[in-house]
Amino acid sequence: MIQVNVKELLKKQKRSKYWFVKNMEGGYQALTRLMENQTSSIRFDTLEKMCDLFDCEIGEIIVRKKGNKKHE
């Protein structure tokens, strides 16, 4: 399963959900779904903005977890 590590990055950098939503300048519900891994797609410009915001690479944001298939 592909996951977005927003919560982990926020925790690692000691940042809040409020900080993330404010700095991403997106819709609260859409960003919350992203944080909760309840989204089925993500735009490249969103990924780039997250990389800039967290000062990290895409591989730190998006990870593949084996053995956690959502649909079997």
N, C-alpha and C. Protein backbone atom coordinates (compact mmCIF):
# COMPACT_ATOMS: atom_id res chain seq x y z
N MET A 1 0.84 -1.17 0.00
CA MET A 1 0.00 0.00 0.00
C MET A 1 0.89 1.24 0.00
N ILE A 2 0.56 2.20 -0.81
CA ILE A 2 1.28 3.47 -0.87
C ILE A 2 0.73 4.39 0.22
N GLN A 3 1.63 5.00 0.99
CA GLN A 3 1.21 5.89 2.06
C GLN A 3 1.94 7.22 1.98
N VAL A 4 1.28 8.24 2.49
CA VAL A 4 1.86 9.57 2.57
C VAL A 4 2.24 9.80 4.04
N ASN A 5 3.49 10.11 4.29
CA ASN A 5 4.02 10.21 5.65
C ASN A 5 3.92 11.60 6.27
N VAL A 6 2.85 12.31 6.04
CA VAL A 6 2.73 13.67 6.57
C VAL A 6 2.77 13.67 8.10
N LYS A 7 2.01 12.80 8.72
CA LYS A 7 1.98 12.76 10.19
C LYS A 7 3.36 12.48 10.77
N GLU A 8 4.08 11.56 10.16
CA GLU A 8 5.40 11.20 10.64
C GLU A 8 6.38 12.36 10.50
N LEU A 9 6.30 13.06 9.36
CA LEU A 9 7.17 14.21 9.14
C LEU A 9 6.84 15.34 10.10
N LEU A 10 5.56 15.56 10.35
CA LEU A 10 5.16 16.60 11.31
C LEU A 10 5.72 16.28 12.70
N LYS A 11 5.60 15.03 13.09
CA LYS A 11 6.08 14.61 14.41
C LYS A 11 7.60 14.75 14.49
N LYS A 12 8.28 14.30 13.45
CA LYS A 12 9.74 14.37 13.41
C LYS A 12 10.24 15.81 13.49
N GLN A 13 9.52 16.72 12.83
CA GLN A 13 9.94 18.12 12.81
C GLN A 13 9.25 18.97 13.88
N LYS A 14 8.48 18.30 14.75
CA LYS A 14 7.78 18.98 15.84
C LYS A 14 6.91 20.12 15.33
N ARG A 15 6.11 19.81 14.33
CA ARG A 15 5.18 20.76 13.72
C ARG A 15 3.75 20.29 13.97
N SER A 16 2.80 21.21 13.83
CA SER A 16 1.39 20.88 14.06
C SER A 16 0.63 20.73 12.75
N LYS A 17 -0.52 20.12 12.86
CA LYS A 17 -1.43 19.99 11.71
C LYS A 17 -1.82 21.39 11.23
N TYR A 18 -2.05 22.30 12.17
CA TYR A 18 -2.39 23.68 11.82
C TYR A 18 -1.29 24.30 10.97
N TRP A 19 -0.03 24.11 11.37
CA TRP A 19 1.11 24.64 10.62
C TRP A 19 1.10 24.09 9.19
N PHE A 20 0.85 22.79 9.05
CA PHE A 20 0.83 22.15 7.74
C PHE A 20 -0.26 22.74 6.86
N VAL A 21 -1.47 22.83 7.37
CA VAL A 21 -2.60 23.33 6.58
C VAL A 21 -2.37 24.80 6.20
N LYS A 22 -1.90 25.59 7.14
CA LYS A 22 -1.66 27.02 6.88
C LYS A 22 -0.60 27.20 5.79
N ASN A 23 0.50 26.46 5.88
CA ASN A 23 1.60 26.62 4.93
C ASN A 23 1.35 25.97 3.58
N MET A 24 0.49 24.96 3.54
CA MET A 24 0.16 24.33 2.26
C MET A 24 -0.87 25.16 1.50
N GLU A 25 -1.59 26.02 2.19
CA GLU A 25 -2.59 26.91 1.57
C GLU A 25 -3.61 26.14 0.75
N GLY A 26 -4.03 25.01 1.25
CA GLY A 26 -5.03 24.21 0.55
C GLY A 26 -6.27 24.07 1.41
N GLY A 27 -7.22 23.32 0.93
CA GLY A 27 -8.43 23.08 1.68
C GLY A 27 -8.19 22.19 2.88
N TYR A 28 -8.77 22.55 3.99
CA TYR A 28 -8.58 21.81 5.24
C TYR A 28 -8.97 20.34 5.08
N GLN A 29 -10.14 20.08 4.48
CA GLN A 29 -10.61 18.69 4.34
C GLN A 29 -9.69 17.88 3.43
N ALA A 30 -9.26 18.46 2.33
CA ALA A 30 -8.39 17.74 1.40
C ALA A 30 -7.05 17.41 2.06
N LEU A 31 -6.49 18.36 2.79
CA LEU A 31 -5.21 18.13 3.45
C LEU A 31 -5.34 17.15 4.61
N THR A 32 -6.47 17.18 5.29
CA THR A 32 -6.71 16.20 6.36
C THR A 32 -6.81 14.79 5.78
N ARG A 33 -7.51 14.64 4.65
CA ARG A 33 -7.60 13.33 3.98
C ARG A 33 -6.22 12.86 3.56
N LEU A 34 -5.39 13.78 3.09
CA LEU A 34 -4.03 13.44 2.71
C LEU A 34 -3.25 12.94 3.92
N MET A 35 -3.37 13.63 5.05
CA MET A 35 -2.68 13.25 6.27
C MET A 35 -3.13 11.89 6.78
N GLU A 36 -4.41 11.56 6.59
CA GLU A 36 -4.98 10.31 7.07
C GLU A 36 -4.89 9.18 6.04
N ASN A 37 -4.19 9.43 4.94
CA ASN A 37 -4.05 8.45 3.85
C ASN A 37 -5.41 8.00 3.32
N GLN A 38 -6.31 8.94 3.18
CA GLN A 38 -7.64 8.65 2.67
C GLN A 38 -7.84 9.27 1.29
N THR A 39 -6.77 9.45 0.56
CA THR A 39 -6.84 10.01 -0.77
C THR A 39 -6.31 8.99 -1.77
N SER A 40 -6.79 9.06 -2.99
CA SER A 40 -6.36 8.08 -3.99
C SER A 40 -5.39 8.68 -5.00
N SER A 41 -5.14 9.98 -4.91
CA SER A 41 -4.19 10.61 -5.84
C SER A 41 -3.59 11.86 -5.19
N ILE A 42 -2.47 12.28 -5.77
CA ILE A 42 -1.80 13.49 -5.30
C ILE A 42 -1.13 14.13 -6.51
N ARG A 43 -1.25 15.43 -6.59
CA ARG A 43 -0.68 16.16 -7.73
C ARG A 43 0.81 16.37 -7.52
N PHE A 44 1.54 16.45 -8.63
CA PHE A 44 2.98 16.68 -8.55
C PHE A 44 3.31 18.01 -7.90
N ASP A 45 2.52 19.04 -8.20
CA ASP A 45 2.79 20.34 -7.59
C ASP A 45 2.56 20.31 -6.07
N THR A 46 1.63 19.49 -5.62
CA THR A 46 1.41 19.31 -4.18
C THR A 46 2.61 18.61 -3.55
N LEU A 47 3.11 17.58 -4.21
CA LEU A 47 4.30 16.88 -3.72
C LEU A 47 5.50 17.82 -3.64
N GLU A 48 5.67 18.63 -4.67
CA GLU A 48 6.79 19.56 -4.68
C GLU A 48 6.68 20.58 -3.55
N LYS A 49 5.49 21.06 -3.31
CA LYS A 49 5.28 22.02 -2.23
C LYS A 49 5.57 21.37 -0.87
N MET A 50 5.16 20.12 -0.71
CA MET A 50 5.43 19.40 0.53
C MET A 50 6.93 19.18 0.71
N CYS A 51 7.64 18.86 -0.36
CA CYS A 51 9.09 18.69 -0.28
C CYS A 51 9.76 20.00 0.17
N ASP A 52 9.31 21.10 -0.39
CA ASP A 52 9.86 22.40 0.01
C ASP A 52 9.52 22.71 1.47
N LEU A 53 8.29 22.46 1.84
CA LEU A 53 7.82 22.76 3.19
C LEU A 53 8.56 21.95 4.25
N PHE A 54 8.73 20.65 4.00
CA PHE A 54 9.40 19.77 4.96
C PHE A 54 10.92 19.70 4.73
N ASP A 55 11.41 20.35 3.66
CA ASP A 55 12.82 20.31 3.29
C ASP A 55 13.29 18.85 3.21
N CYS A 56 12.60 18.09 2.34
CA CYS A 56 12.90 16.66 2.21
C CYS A 56 12.73 16.23 0.76
N GLU A 57 12.97 14.97 0.51
CA GLU A 57 12.79 14.38 -0.81
C GLU A 57 11.47 13.62 -0.88
N ILE A 58 11.01 13.35 -2.08
CA ILE A 58 9.73 12.67 -2.29
C ILE A 58 9.69 11.32 -1.57
N GLY A 59 10.81 10.61 -1.55
CA GLY A 59 10.87 9.31 -0.90
C GLY A 59 10.63 9.36 0.60
N GLU A 60 10.75 10.52 1.20
CA GLU A 60 10.45 10.67 2.61
C GLU A 60 8.97 10.95 2.84
N ILE A 61 8.29 11.39 1.79
CA ILE A 61 6.86 11.71 1.87
C ILE A 61 6.02 10.51 1.48
N ILE A 62 6.37 9.89 0.38
CA ILE A 62 5.60 8.75 -0.12
C ILE A 62 6.39 7.47 0.11
N VAL A 63 5.76 6.51 0.75
CA VAL A 63 6.40 5.22 1.00
C VAL A 63 5.44 4.10 0.62
N ARG A 64 6.01 2.94 0.34
CA ARG A 64 5.20 1.76 0.04
C ARG A 64 5.35 0.78 1.20
N LYS A 65 4.23 0.48 1.83
CA LYS A 65 4.22 -0.48 2.94
C LYS A 65 3.74 -1.81 2.41
N LYS A 66 4.57 -2.82 2.51
CA LYS A 66 4.21 -4.15 2.03
C LYS A 66 3.33 -4.86 3.05
N GLY A 67 2.41 -5.67 2.55
CA GLY A 67 1.57 -6.49 3.43
C GLY A 67 0.34 -5.78 4.00
N ASN A 68 0.10 -4.55 3.63
CA ASN A 68 -1.05 -3.81 4.14
C ASN A 68 -2.00 -3.47 2.99
N LYS A 69 -2.38 -4.46 2.23
CA LYS A 69 -3.26 -4.20 1.09
C LYS A 69 -4.63 -3.75 1.56
N LYS A 70 -5.10 -2.68 0.91
CA LYS A 70 -6.40 -2.12 1.27
C LYS A 70 -7.52 -2.98 0.68
N HIS A 71 -7.31 -3.42 -0.56
CA HIS A 71 -8.33 -4.23 -1.25
C HIS A 71 -7.73 -5.58 -1.59
N GLU A 72 -8.37 -6.63 -1.21
CA GLU A 72 -7.86 -7.96 -1.55
C GLU A 72 -8.87 -8.71 -2.36
